[in-house]
Amino acid sequence: MSVDDITIEPEEYEKYLTLAYKETKFPKPRTALGLLKKLPVSEMEKLMLTNIKITDDDLRALAHQRASTVQELILKSGQINPERIFIIEPKNLTPEKKENLKNSRVEFSLERFAVKGNASN
């Protein structure tokens, strides 16, 4: 089962958010007794989003996962020889700005190779 196959019903959301909130590693509001303070959903969400730390290694892993998924889908078609498609590590994790394109994307490059042989071919 994939994470994409899981559905969290609206009435379950607070329960699972609270569990995730308790597991995250950042300073959380506490009561006078030092116990974890019960917060509304919006505050837990805000604190979790504010404290997300995304490293270059995280971005590199995400880029590789995306590229692997695209490569797998292309190869499933059976129209491309597996020896002709490969993944190249990104030179820069911040893509070059291009008009009308979002920063999160997969870039493809096609190269045409000359075939040596008889000039009459």
PDB file of N, CA and C in Angstrom:
ATOM      1  N   MET A   1       0.847  -1.182   0.000  1.00  0.00           N
ATOM      2  CA  MET A   1       0.000   0.000   0.000  1.00  0.00           C
ATOM      3  C   MET A   1       0.892   1.244   0.000  1.00  0.00           C
ATOM      4  N   SER A   2       0.540   2.192  -0.794  1.00  0.00           N
ATOM      5  CA  SER A   2       1.259   3.460  -0.906  1.00  0.00           C
ATOM      6  C   SER A   2       0.588   4.505  -0.014  1.00  0.00           C
ATOM      7  N   VAL A   3       1.341   5.519   0.372  1.00  0.00           N
ATOM      8  CA  VAL A   3       0.775   6.618   1.157  1.00  0.00           C
ATOM      9  C   VAL A   3      -0.339   7.315   0.370  1.00  0.00           C
ATOM     10  N   ASP A   4      -0.271   7.251  -0.959  1.00  0.00           N
ATOM     11  CA  ASP A   4      -1.311   7.857  -1.797  1.00  0.00           C
ATOM     12  C   ASP A   4      -2.640   7.116  -1.685  1.00  0.00           C
ATOM     13  N   ASP A   5      -2.603   5.867  -1.219  1.00  0.00           N
ATOM     14  CA  ASP A   5      -3.814   5.058  -1.085  1.00  0.00           C
ATOM     15  C   ASP A   5      -4.531   5.288   0.247  1.00  0.00           C
ATOM     16  N   ILE A   6      -3.914   6.062   1.130  1.00  0.00           N
ATOM     17  CA  ILE A   6      -4.482   6.281   2.457  1.00  0.00           C
ATOM     18  C   ILE A   6      -5.341   7.543   2.452  1.00  0.00           C
ATOM     19  N   THR A   7      -6.523   7.417   3.024  1.00  0.00           N
ATOM     20  CA  THR A   7      -7.420   8.560   3.142  1.00  0.00           C
ATOM     21  C   THR A   7      -7.673   8.823   4.624  1.00  0.00           C
ATOM     22  N   ILE A   8      -7.464  10.073   5.020  1.00  0.00           N
ATOM     23  CA  ILE A   8      -7.770  10.472   6.398  1.00  0.00           C
ATOM     24  C   ILE A   8      -9.066  11.257   6.335  1.00  0.00           C
ATOM     25  N   GLU A   9     -10.056  10.730   6.995  1.00  0.00           N
ATOM     26  CA  GLU A   9     -11.374  11.377   7.015  1.00  0.00           C
ATOM     27  C   GLU A   9     -11.289  12.654   7.863  1.00  0.00           C
ATOM     28  N   PRO A  10     -12.110  13.653   7.553  1.00  0.00           N
ATOM     29  CA  PRO A  10     -12.078  14.914   8.295  1.00  0.00           C
ATOM     30  C   PRO A  10     -12.176  14.734   9.819  1.00  0.00           C
ATOM     31  N   GLU A  11     -12.996  13.777  10.248  1.00  0.00           N
ATOM     32  CA  GLU A  11     -13.148  13.580  11.689  1.00  0.00           C
ATOM     33  C   GLU A  11     -11.912  12.915  12.334  1.00  0.00           C
ATOM     34  N   GLU A  12     -11.017  12.362  11.517  1.00  0.00           N
ATOM     35  CA  GLU A  12      -9.789  11.733  12.016  1.00  0.00           C
ATOM     36  C   GLU A  12      -8.597  12.692  11.999  1.00  0.00           C
ATOM     37  N   TYR A  13      -8.712  13.782  11.278  1.00  0.00           N
ATOM     38  CA  TYR A  13      -7.592  14.680  11.030  1.00  0.00           C
ATOM     39  C   TYR A  13      -6.929  15.160  12.317  1.00  0.00           C
ATOM     40  N   GLU A  14      -7.705  15.663  13.266  1.00  0.00           N
ATOM     41  CA  GLU A  14      -7.128  16.202  14.501  1.00  0.00           C
ATOM     42  C   GLU A  14      -6.367  15.126  15.268  1.00  0.00           C
ATOM     43  N   LYS A  15      -6.908  13.921  15.303  1.00  0.00           N
ATOM     44  CA  LYS A  15      -6.250  12.814  16.008  1.00  0.00           C
ATOM     45  C   LYS A  15      -4.852  12.553  15.424  1.00  0.00           C
ATOM     46  N   TYR A  16      -4.764  12.435  14.094  1.00  0.00           N
ATOM     47  CA  TYR A  16      -3.485  12.127  13.460  1.00  0.00           C
ATOM     48  C   TYR A  16      -2.533  13.319  13.450  1.00  0.00           C
ATOM     49  N   LEU A  17      -3.078  14.516  13.353  1.00  0.00           N
ATOM     50  CA  LEU A  17      -2.241  15.707  13.447  1.00  0.00           C
ATOM     51  C   LEU A  17      -1.611  15.780  14.834  1.00  0.00           C
ATOM     52  N   THR A  18      -2.395  15.521  15.871  1.00  0.00           N
ATOM     53  CA  THR A  18      -1.889  15.556  17.243  1.00  0.00           C
ATOM     54  C   THR A  18      -0.775  14.527  17.439  1.00  0.00           C
ATOM     55  N   LEU A  19      -0.969  13.324  16.898  1.00  0.00           N
ATOM     56  CA  LEU A  19       0.074  12.290  16.994  1.00  0.00           C
ATOM     57  C   LEU A  19       1.354  12.741  16.289  1.00  0.00           C
ATOM     58  N   ALA A  20       1.212  13.310  15.107  1.00  0.00           N
ATOM     59  CA  ALA A  20       2.385  13.789  14.366  1.00  0.00           C
ATOM     60  C   ALA A  20       3.043  14.950  15.108  1.00  0.00           C
ATOM     61  N   TYR A  21       2.247  15.856  15.639  1.00  0.00           N
ATOM     62  CA  TYR A  21       2.752  17.009  16.384  1.00  0.00           C
ATOM     63  C   TYR A  21       3.585  16.553  17.576  1.00  0.00           C
ATOM     64  N   LYS A  22       3.098  15.568  18.309  1.00  0.00           N
ATOM     65  CA  LYS A  22       3.821  15.070  19.485  1.00  0.00           C
ATOM     66  C   LYS A  22       5.159  14.444  19.108  1.00  0.00           C
ATOM     67  N   GLU A  23       5.247  13.871  17.908  1.00  0.00           N
ATOM     68  CA  GLU A  23       6.472  13.190  17.464  1.00  0.00           C
ATOM     69  C   GLU A  23       7.530  14.134  16.899  1.00  0.00           C
ATOM     70  N   THR A  24       7.128  15.337  16.496  1.00  0.00           N
ATOM     71  CA  THR A  24       8.089  16.259  15.902  1.00  0.00           C
ATOM     72  C   THR A  24       9.050  16.775  16.962  1.00  0.00           C
ATOM     73  N   LYS A  25      10.262  17.098  16.509  1.00  0.00           N
ATOM     74  CA  LYS A  25      11.328  17.525  17.425  1.00  0.00           C
ATOM     75  C   LYS A  25      11.571  19.027  17.313  1.00  0.00           C
ATOM     76  N   PHE A  26      10.823  19.789  18.075  1.00  0.00           N
ATOM     77  CA  PHE A  26      11.046  21.224  18.211  1.00  0.00           C
ATOM     78  C   PHE A  26      10.395  21.656  19.524  1.00  0.00           C
ATOM     79  N   PRO A  27      10.814  22.796  20.084  1.00  0.00           N
ATOM     80  CA  PRO A  27      10.227  23.250  21.355  1.00  0.00           C
ATOM     81  C   PRO A  27       8.732  23.527  21.195  1.00  0.00           C
ATOM     82  N   LYS A  28       7.947  22.965  22.110  1.00  0.00           N
ATOM     83  CA  LYS A  28       6.489  23.128  22.058  1.00  0.00           C
ATOM     84  C   LYS A  28       6.003  23.823  23.324  1.00  0.00           C
ATOM     85  N   PRO A  29       4.884  24.561  23.214  1.00  0.00           N
ATOM     86  CA  PRO A  29       4.317  25.210  24.400  1.00  0.00           C
ATOM     87  C   PRO A  29       3.960  24.170  25.468  1.00  0.00           C
ATOM     88  N   ARG A  30       4.260  24.515  26.710  1.00  0.00           N
ATOM     89  CA  ARG A  30       4.003  23.604  27.827  1.00  0.00           C
ATOM     90  C   ARG A  30       3.197  24.318  28.906  1.00  0.00           C
ATOM     91  N   THR A  31       2.530  23.523  29.729  1.00  0.00           N
ATOM     92  CA  THR A  31       1.756  24.058  30.851  1.00  0.00           C
ATOM     93  C   THR A  31       2.720  24.422  31.983  1.00  0.00           C
ATOM     94  N   ALA A  32       2.196  25.032  33.043  1.00  0.00           N
ATOM     95  CA  ALA A  32       3.013  25.390  34.208  1.00  0.00           C
ATOM     96  C   ALA A  32       3.649  24.142  34.833  1.00  0.00           C
ATOM     97  N   LEU A  33       3.020  22.984  34.647  1.00  0.00           N
ATOM     98  CA  LEU A  33       3.555  21.730  35.184  1.00  0.00           C
ATOM     99  C   LEU A  33       4.557  21.072  34.234  1.00  0.00           C
ATOM    100  N   GLY A  34       4.778  21.676  33.057  1.00  0.00           N
ATOM    101  CA  GLY A  34       5.727  21.130  32.102  1.00  0.00           C
ATOM    102  C   GLY A  34       5.133  20.121  31.131  1.00  0.00           C
ATOM    103  N   LEU A  35       3.829  19.923  31.213  1.00  0.00           N
ATOM    104  CA  LEU A  35       3.166  19.000  30.295  1.00  0.00           C
ATOM    105  C   LEU A  35       2.921  19.695  28.957  1.00  0.00           C
ATOM    106  N   LEU A  36       2.827  18.898  27.909  1.00  0.00           N
ATOM    107  CA  LEU A  36       2.545  19.446  26.584  1.00  0.00           C
ATOM    108  C   LEU A  36       1.179  20.121  26.598  1.00  0.00           C
ATOM    109  N   LYS A  37       1.153  21.372  26.169  1.00  0.00           N
ATOM    110  CA  LYS A  37      -0.079  22.146  26.155  1.00  0.00           C
ATOM    111  C   LYS A  37      -0.967  21.704  24.997  1.00  0.00           C
ATOM    112  N   LYS A  38      -2.264  21.527  25.255  1.00  0.00           N
ATOM    113  CA  LYS A  38      -3.210  21.165  24.194  1.00  0.00           C
ATOM    114  C   LYS A  38      -3.480  22.421  23.371  1.00  0.00           C
ATOM    115  N   LEU A  39      -3.276  22.291  22.051  1.00  0.00           N
ATOM    116  CA  LEU A  39      -3.431  23.428  21.152  1.00  0.00           C
ATOM    117  C   LEU A  39      -4.501  23.145  20.111  1.00  0.00           C
ATOM    118  N   PRO A  40      -5.115  24.198  19.578  1.00  0.00           N
ATOM    119  CA  PRO A  40      -6.063  24.000  18.473  1.00  0.00           C
ATOM    120  C   PRO A  40      -5.309  23.555  17.216  1.00  0.00           C
ATOM    121  N   VAL A  41      -6.043  22.929  16.319  1.00  0.00           N
ATOM    122  CA  VAL A  41      -5.472  22.408  15.079  1.00  0.00           C
ATOM    123  C   VAL A  41      -4.657  23.472  14.353  1.00  0.00           C
ATOM    124  N   SER A  42      -5.194  24.666  14.214  1.00  0.00           N
ATOM    125  CA  SER A  42      -4.515  25.715  13.450  1.00  0.00           C
ATOM    126  C   SER A  42      -3.152  26.063  14.057  1.00  0.00           C
ATOM    127  N   GLU A  43      -3.049  26.053  15.386  1.00  0.00           N
ATOM    128  CA  GLU A  43      -1.770  26.366  16.034  1.00  0.00           C
ATOM    129  C   GLU A  43      -0.768  25.240  15.860  1.00  0.00           C
ATOM    130  N   MET A  44      -1.241  23.978  15.958  1.00  0.00           N
ATOM    131  CA  MET A  44      -0.332  22.842  15.738  1.00  0.00           C
ATOM    132  C   MET A  44       0.205  22.881  14.310  1.00  0.00           C
ATOM    133  N   GLU A  45      -0.688  23.130  13.343  1.00  0.00           N
ATOM    134  CA  GLU A  45      -0.274  23.199  11.934  1.00  0.00           C
ATOM    135  C   GLU A  45       0.764  24.308  11.746  1.00  0.00           C
ATOM    136  N   LYS A  46       0.485  25.482  12.318  1.00  0.00           N
ATOM    137  CA  LYS A  46       1.383  26.627  12.167  1.00  0.00           C
ATOM    138  C   LYS A  46       2.757  26.317  12.750  1.00  0.00           C
ATOM    139  N   LEU A  47       2.790  25.746  13.948  1.00  0.00           N
ATOM    140  CA  LEU A  47       4.073  25.420  14.581  1.00  0.00           C
ATOM    141  C   LEU A  47       4.844  24.364  13.782  1.00  0.00           C
ATOM    142  N   MET A  48       4.142  23.369  13.283  1.00  0.00           N
ATOM    143  CA  MET A  48       4.810  22.323  12.507  1.00  0.00           C
ATOM    144  C   MET A  48       5.389  22.897  11.211  1.00  0.00           C
ATOM    145  N   LEU A  49       4.617  23.717  10.516  1.00  0.00           N
ATOM    146  CA  LEU A  49       5.091  24.310   9.268  1.00  0.00           C
ATOM    147  C   LEU A  49       6.257  25.272   9.506  1.00  0.00           C
ATOM    148  N   THR A  50       6.186  26.033  10.581  1.00  0.00           N
ATOM    149  CA  THR A  50       7.240  26.989  10.907  1.00  0.00           C
ATOM    150  C   THR A  50       8.553  26.284  11.233  1.00  0.00           C
ATOM    151  N   ASN A  51       8.465  25.099  11.805  1.00  0.00           N
ATOM    152  CA  ASN A  51       9.663  24.402  12.264  1.00  0.00           C
ATOM    153  C   ASN A  51      10.186  23.323  11.322  1.00  0.00           C
ATOM    154  N   ILE A  52       9.648  23.271  10.121  1.00  0.00           N
ATOM    155  CA  ILE A  52      10.160  22.306   9.142  1.00  0.00           C
ATOM    156  C   ILE A  52      11.543  22.776   8.688  1.00  0.00           C
ATOM    157  N   LYS A  53      12.489  21.885   8.738  1.00  0.00           N
ATOM    158  CA  LYS A  53      13.846  22.181   8.268  1.00  0.00           C
ATOM    159  C   LYS A  53      14.119  21.288   7.058  1.00  0.00           C
ATOM    160  N   ILE A  54      14.267  21.903   5.906  1.00  0.00           N
ATOM    161  CA  ILE A  54      14.526  21.157   4.676  1.00  0.00           C
ATOM    162  C   ILE A  54      15.972  21.419   4.264  1.00  0.00           C
ATOM    163  N   THR A  55      16.749  20.340   4.188  1.00  0.00           N
ATOM    164  CA  THR A  55      18.165  20.454   3.853  1.00  0.00           C
ATOM    165  C   THR A  55      18.389  20.213   2.359  1.00  0.00           C
ATOM    166  N   ASP A  56      19.589  20.525   1.911  1.00  0.00           N
ATOM    167  CA  ASP A  56      19.946  20.227   0.521  1.00  0.00           C
ATOM    168  C   ASP A  56      19.875  18.724   0.261  1.00  0.00           C
ATOM    169  N   ASP A  57      20.234  17.921   1.254  1.00  0.00           N
ATOM    170  CA  ASP A  57      20.134  16.462   1.099  1.00  0.00           C
ATOM    171  C   ASP A  57      18.677  16.038   0.904  1.00  0.00           C
ATOM    172  N   ASP A  58      17.753  16.683   1.627  1.00  0.00           N
ATOM    173  CA  ASP A  58      16.322  16.393   1.448  1.00  0.00           C
ATOM    174  C   ASP A  58      15.887  16.729   0.018  1.00  0.00           C
ATOM    175  N   LEU A  59      16.312  17.879  -0.463  1.00  0.00           N
ATOM    176  CA  LEU A  59      15.944  18.300  -1.825  1.00  0.00           C
ATOM    177  C   LEU A  59      16.555  17.379  -2.868  1.00  0.00           C
ATOM    178  N   ARG A  60      17.799  16.964  -2.641  1.00  0.00           N
ATOM    179  CA  ARG A  60      18.469  16.056  -3.580  1.00  0.00           C
ATOM    180  C   ARG A  60      17.737  14.712  -3.623  1.00  0.00           C
ATOM    181  N   ALA A  61      17.339  14.203  -2.452  1.00  0.00           N
ATOM    182  CA  ALA A  61      16.610  12.923  -2.389  1.00  0.00           C
ATOM    183  C   ALA A  61      15.259  13.046  -3.101  1.00  0.00           C
ATOM    184  N   LEU A  62      14.561  14.153  -2.902  1.00  0.00           N
ATOM    185  CA  LEU A  62      13.282  14.368  -3.578  1.00  0.00           C
ATOM    186  C   LEU A  62      13.475  14.440  -5.090  1.00  0.00           C
ATOM    187  N   ALA A  63      14.501  15.158  -5.533  1.00  0.00           N
ATOM    188  CA  ALA A  63      14.775  15.266  -6.965  1.00  0.00           C
ATOM    189  C   ALA A  63      15.052  13.886  -7.556  1.00  0.00           C
ATOM    190  N   HIS A  64      15.823  13.078  -6.849  1.00  0.00           N
ATOM    191  CA  HIS A  64      16.145  11.742  -7.350  1.00  0.00           C
ATOM    192  C   HIS A  64      14.895  10.860  -7.395  1.00  0.00           C
ATOM    193  N   GLN A  65      14.053  10.973  -6.369  1.00  0.00           N
ATOM    194  CA  GLN A  65      12.810  10.192  -6.342  1.00  0.00           C
ATOM    195  C   GLN A  65      11.915  10.566  -7.522  1.00  0.00           C
ATOM    196  N   ARG A  66      11.779  11.846  -7.791  1.00  0.00           N
ATOM    197  CA  ARG A  66      10.965  12.303  -8.921  1.00  0.00           C
ATOM    198  C   ARG A  66      11.535  11.797 -10.247  1.00  0.00           C
ATOM    199  N   ALA A  67      12.846  11.950 -10.407  1.00  0.00           N
ATOM    200  CA  ALA A  67      13.481  11.510 -11.652  1.00  0.00           C
ATOM    201  C   ALA A  67      13.328  10.000 -11.841  1.00  0.00           C
ATOM    202  N   SER A  68      13.469   9.242 -10.765  1.00  0.00           N
ATOM    203  CA  SER A  68      13.324   7.782 -10.854  1.00  0.00           C
ATOM    204  C   SER A  68      11.904   7.391 -11.259  1.00  0.00           C
ATOM    205  N   THR A  69      10.923   8.106 -10.728  1.00  0.00           N
ATOM    206  CA  THR A  69       9.525   7.825 -11.072  1.00  0.00           C
ATOM    207  C   THR A  69       9.276   8.095 -12.547  1.00  0.00           C
ATOM    208  N   VAL A  70       9.793   9.214 -13.040  1.00  0.00           N
ATOM    209  CA  VAL A  70       9.621   9.550 -14.449  1.00  0.00           C
ATOM    210  C   VAL A  70      10.338   8.528 -15.326  1.00  0.00           C
ATOM    211  N   GLN A  71      11.558   8.156 -14.948  1.00  0.00           N
ATOM    212  CA  GLN A  71      12.316   7.167 -15.706  1.00  0.00           C
ATOM    213  C   GLN A  71      11.557   5.841 -15.768  1.00  0.00           C
ATOM    214  N   GLU A  72      11.013   5.429 -14.645  1.00  0.00           N
ATOM    215  CA  GLU A  72      10.252   4.174 -14.575  1.00  0.00           C
ATOM    216  C   GLU A  72       9.042   4.207 -15.508  1.00  0.00           C
ATOM    217  N   LEU A  73       8.306   5.315 -15.509  1.00  0.00           N
ATOM    218  CA  LEU A  73       7.134   5.437 -16.374  1.00  0.00           C
ATOM    219  C   LEU A  73       7.507   5.413 -17.855  1.00  0.00           C
ATOM    220  N   ILE A  74       8.595   6.080 -18.194  1.00  0.00           N
ATOM    221  CA  ILE A  74       9.039   6.082 -19.594  1.00  0.00           C
ATOM    222  C   ILE A  74       9.448   4.678 -20.015  1.00  0.00           C
ATOM    223  N   LEU A  75      10.174   3.984 -19.158  1.00  0.00           N
ATOM    224  CA  LEU A  75      10.638   2.633 -19.493  1.00  0.00           C
ATOM    225  C   LEU A  75       9.497   1.628 -19.568  1.00  0.00           C
ATOM    226  N   LYS A  76       8.438   1.851 -18.769  1.00  0.00           N
ATOM    227  CA  LYS A  76       7.278   0.949 -18.809  1.00  0.00           C
ATOM    228  C   LYS A  76       6.621   0.918 -20.183  1.00  0.00           C
ATOM    229  N   SER A  77       6.744   2.008 -20.919  1.00  0.00           N
ATOM    230  CA  SER A  77       6.125   2.075 -22.247  1.00  0.00           C
ATOM    231  C   SER A  77       6.758   1.065 -23.202  1.00  0.00           C
ATOM    232  N   GLY A  78       7.999   0.672 -22.922  1.00  0.00           N
ATOM    233  CA  GLY A  78       8.688  -0.286 -23.777  1.00  0.00           C
ATOM    234  C   GLY A  78       9.167   0.298 -25.091  1.00  0.00           C
ATOM    235  N   GLN A  79       9.037   1.602 -25.263  1.00  0.00           N
ATOM    236  CA  GLN A  79       9.422   2.226 -26.528  1.00  0.00           C
ATOM    237  C   GLN A  79      10.841   2.789 -26.513  1.00  0.00           C
ATOM    238  N   ILE A  80      11.452   2.786 -25.352  1.00  0.00           N
ATOM    239  CA  ILE A  80      12.804   3.329 -25.219  1.00  0.00           C
ATOM    240  C   ILE A  80      13.716   2.229 -24.691  1.00  0.00           C
ATOM    241  N   ASN A  81      14.866   2.071 -25.313  1.00  0.00           N
ATOM    242  CA  ASN A  81      15.863   1.114 -24.854  1.00  0.00           C
ATOM    243  C   ASN A  81      16.370   1.600 -23.484  1.00  0.00           C
ATOM    244  N   PRO A  82      16.337   0.754 -22.445  1.00  0.00           N
ATOM    245  CA  PRO A  82      16.782   1.164 -21.111  1.00  0.00           C
ATOM    246  C   PRO A  82      18.202   1.722 -21.072  1.00  0.00           C
ATOM    247  N   GLU A  83      19.046   1.336 -22.035  1.00  0.00           N
ATOM    248  CA  GLU A  83      20.414   1.849 -22.073  1.00  0.00           C
ATOM    249  C   GLU A  83      20.476   3.303 -22.525  1.00  0.00           C
ATOM    250  N   ARG A  84      19.357   3.822 -23.023  1.00  0.00           N
ATOM    251  CA  ARG A  84      19.352   5.181 -23.564  1.00  0.00           C
ATOM    252  C   ARG A  84      18.738   6.205 -22.618  1.00  0.00           C
ATOM    253  N   ILE A  85      18.274   5.772 -21.478  1.00  0.00           N
ATOM    254  CA  ILE A  85      17.676   6.728 -20.529  1.00  0.00           C
ATOM    255  C   ILE A  85      18.356   6.556 -19.179  1.00  0.00           C
ATOM    256  N   PHE A  86      18.750   7.673 -18.621  1.00  0.00           N
ATOM    257  CA  PHE A  86      19.445   7.620 -17.338  1.00  0.00           C
ATOM    258  C   PHE A  86      19.211   8.921 -16.583  1.00  0.00           C
ATOM    259  N   ILE A  87      19.564   8.885 -15.317  1.00  0.00           N
ATOM    260  CA  ILE A  87      19.362  10.041 -14.437  1.00  0.00           C
ATOM    261  C   ILE A  87      20.708  10.704 -14.190  1.00  0.00           C
ATOM    262  N   ILE A  88      20.736  12.009 -14.311  1.00  0.00           N
ATOM    263  CA  ILE A  88      21.942  12.787 -14.027  1.00  0.00           C
ATOM    264  C   ILE A  88      21.664  13.622 -12.788  1.00  0.00           C
ATOM    265  N   GLU A  89      22.597  13.613 -11.858  1.00  0.00           N
ATOM    266  CA  GLU A  89      22.442  14.416 -10.645  1.00  0.00           C
ATOM    267  C   GLU A  89      22.335  15.893 -11.011  1.00  0.00           C
ATOM    268  N   PRO A  90      21.473  16.629 -10.330  1.00  0.00           N
ATOM    269  CA  PRO A  90      21.343  18.060 -10.637  1.00  0.00           C
ATOM    270  C   PRO A  90      22.613  18.822 -10.261  1.00  0.00           C
ATOM    271  N   LYS A  91      22.982  19.790 -11.105  1.00  0.00           N
ATOM    272  CA  LYS A  91      24.142  20.632 -10.803  1.00  0.00           C
ATOM    273  C   LYS A  91      23.802  21.593  -9.671  1.00  0.00           C
ATOM    274  N   ASN A  92      22.553  22.022  -9.662  1.00  0.00           N
ATOM    275  CA  ASN A  92      22.097  23.015  -8.698  1.00  0.00           C
ATOM    276  C   ASN A  92      20.699  22.615  -8.247  1.00  0.00           C
ATOM    277  N   LEU A  93      20.438  22.704  -6.968  1.00  0.00           N
ATOM    278  CA  LEU A  93      19.121  22.322  -6.460  1.00  0.00           C
ATOM    279  C   LEU A  93      18.072  23.395  -6.696  1.00  0.00           C
ATOM    280  N   THR A  94      18.496  24.614  -6.981  1.00  0.00           N
ATOM    281  CA  THR A  94      17.565  25.682  -7.302  1.00  0.00           C
ATOM    282  C   THR A  94      17.556  25.835  -8.818  1.00  0.00           C
ATOM    283  N   PRO A  95      16.461  25.449  -9.464  1.00  0.00           N
ATOM    284  CA  PRO A  95      16.449  25.487 -10.926  1.00  0.00           C
ATOM    285  C   PRO A  95      16.534  26.902 -11.477  1.00  0.00           C
ATOM    286  N   GLU A  96      17.062  26.982 -12.673  1.00  0.00           N
ATOM    287  CA  GLU A  96      17.138  28.254 -13.378  1.00  0.00           C
ATOM    288  C   GLU A  96      15.719  28.780 -13.586  1.00  0.00           C
ATOM    289  N   LYS A  97      15.523  30.061 -13.345  1.00  0.00           N
ATOM    290  CA  LYS A  97      14.195  30.673 -13.531  1.00  0.00           C
ATOM    291  C   LYS A  97      13.837  30.665 -15.008  1.00  0.00           C
ATOM    292  N   LYS A  98      12.652  30.155 -15.298  1.00  0.00           N
ATOM    293  CA  LYS A  98      12.159  30.139 -16.672  1.00  0.00           C
ATOM    294  C   LYS A  98      10.726  30.645 -16.660  1.00  0.00           C
ATOM    295  N   GLU A  99      10.398  31.465 -17.631  1.00  0.00           N
ATOM    296  CA  GLU A  99       9.073  32.066 -17.705  1.00  0.00           C
ATOM    297  C   GLU A  99       7.987  30.993 -17.774  1.00  0.00           C
ATOM    298  N   ASN A 100       6.924  31.198 -17.006  1.00  0.00           N
ATOM    299  CA  ASN A 100       5.744  30.322 -16.968  1.00  0.00           C
ATOM    300  C   ASN A 100       6.027  28.902 -16.464  1.00  0.00           C
ATOM    301  N   LEU A 101       7.134  28.692 -15.768  1.00  0.00           N
ATOM    302  CA  LEU A 101       7.438  27.377 -15.200  1.00  0.00           C
ATOM    303  C   LEU A 101       7.630  27.492 -13.701  1.00  0.00           C
ATOM    304  N   LYS A 102       7.101  26.525 -12.977  1.00  0.00           N
ATOM    305  CA  LYS A 102       7.292  26.482 -11.535  1.00  0.00           C
ATOM    306  C   LYS A 102       8.698  25.968 -11.250  1.00  0.00           C
ATOM    307  N   ASN A 103       9.187  26.248 -10.033  1.00  0.00           N
ATOM    308  CA  ASN A 103      10.521  25.792  -9.672  1.00  0.00           C
ATOM    309  C   ASN A 103      10.603  24.285  -9.484  1.00  0.00           C
ATOM    310  N   SER A 104       9.520  23.618  -9.113  1.00  0.00           N
ATOM    311  CA  SER A 104       9.599  22.171  -8.911  1.00  0.00           C
ATOM    312  C   SER A 104       9.197  21.496 -10.206  1.00  0.00           C
ATOM    313  N   ARG A 105      10.166  20.902 -10.834  1.00  0.00           N
ATOM    314  CA  ARG A 105       9.924  20.275 -12.124  1.00  0.00           C
ATOM    315  C   ARG A 105      11.038  19.278 -12.423  1.00  0.00           C
ATOM    316  N   VAL A 106      10.810  18.472 -13.423  1.00  0.00           N
ATOM    317  CA  VAL A 106      11.818  17.545 -13.930  1.00  0.00           C
ATOM    318  C   VAL A 106      12.213  18.063 -15.299  1.00  0.00           C
ATOM    319  N   GLU A 107      13.502  18.157 -15.545  1.00  0.00           N
ATOM    320  CA  GLU A 107      13.961  18.614 -16.852  1.00  0.00           C
ATOM    321  C   GLU A 107      14.428  17.416 -17.651  1.00  0.00           C
ATOM    322  N   PHE A 108      14.040  17.396 -18.929  1.00  0.00           N
ATOM    323  CA  PHE A 108      14.434  16.338 -19.847  1.00  0.00           C
ATOM    324  C   PHE A 108      15.425  16.914 -20.849  1.00  0.00           C
ATOM    325  N   SER A 109      16.314  16.077 -21.280  1.00  0.00           N
ATOM    326  CA  SER A 109      17.255  16.476 -22.319  1.00  0.00           C
ATOM    327  C   SER A 109      17.324  15.351 -23.329  1.00  0.00           C
ATOM    328  N   LEU A 110      17.138  15.687 -24.591  1.00  0.00           N
ATOM    329  CA  LEU A 110      17.236  14.704 -25.663  1.00  0.00           C
ATOM    330  C   LEU A 110      18.448  15.059 -26.501  1.00  0.00           C
ATOM    331  N   GLU A 111      19.243  14.071 -26.788  1.00  0.00           N
ATOM    332  CA  GLU A 111      20.407  14.306 -27.616  1.00  0.00           C
ATOM    333  C   GLU A 111      20.329  13.406 -28.836  1.00  0.00           C
ATOM    334  N   ARG A 112      20.735  13.943 -29.933  1.00  0.00           N
ATOM    335  CA  ARG A 112      20.736  13.186 -31.176  1.00  0.00           C
ATOM    336  C   ARG A 112      22.178  12.785 -31.462  1.00  0.00           C
ATOM    337  N   PHE A 113      22.361  11.518 -31.676  1.00  0.00           N
ATOM    338  CA  PHE A 113      23.698  11.015 -31.940  1.00  0.00           C
ATOM    339  C   PHE A 113      23.807  10.643 -33.413  1.00  0.00           C
ATOM    340  N   ALA A 114      24.905  11.045 -34.020  1.00  0.00           N
ATOM    341  CA  ALA A 114      25.156  10.671 -35.410  1.00  0.00           C
ATOM    342  C   ALA A 114      25.575   9.208 -35.436  1.00  0.00           C
ATOM    343  N   VAL A 115      25.089   8.508 -36.417  1.00  0.00           N
ATOM    344  CA  VAL A 115      25.431   7.104 -36.569  1.00  0.00           C
ATOM    345  C   VAL A 115      26.477   7.010 -37.669  1.00  0.00           C
ATOM    346  N   LYS A 116      27.628   6.439 -37.312  1.00  0.00           N
ATOM    347  CA  LYS A 116      28.679   6.270 -38.306  1.00  0.00           C
ATOM    348  C   LYS A 116      28.282   5.153 -39.248  1.00  0.00           C
ATOM    349  N   GLY A 117      28.598   5.312 -40.473  1.00  0.00           N
ATOM    350  CA  GLY A 117      28.262   4.261 -41.424  1.00  0.00           C
ATOM    351  C   GLY A 117      28.425   4.740 -42.845  1.00  0.00           C
ATOM    352  N   ASN A 118      27.847   4.022 -43.714  1.00  0.00           N
ATOM    353  CA  ASN A 118      27.902   4.291 -45.138  1.00  0.00           C
ATOM    354  C   ASN A 118      27.166   5.592 -45.452  1.00  0.00           C
ATOM    355  N   ALA A 119      27.745   6.442 -46.257  1.00  0.00           N
ATOM    356  CA  ALA A 119      27.136   7.740 -46.622  1.00  0.00           C
ATOM    357  C   ALA A 119      25.840   7.573 -47.383  1.00  0.00           C
ATOM    358  N   SER A 120      25.619   6.407 -47.956  1.00  0.00           N
ATOM    359  CA  SER A 120      24.390   6.188 -48.720  1.00  0.00           C
ATOM    360  C   SER A 120      23.217   5.835 -47.825  1.00  0.00           C
ATOM    361  N   ASN A 121      23.444   5.626 -46.509  1.00  0.00           N
ATOM    362  CA  ASN A 121      22.362   5.259 -45.583  1.00  0.00           C
ATOM    363  C   ASN A 121      21.486   6.413 -45.289  1.00  0.00           C
TER     364      ASN A 121
END
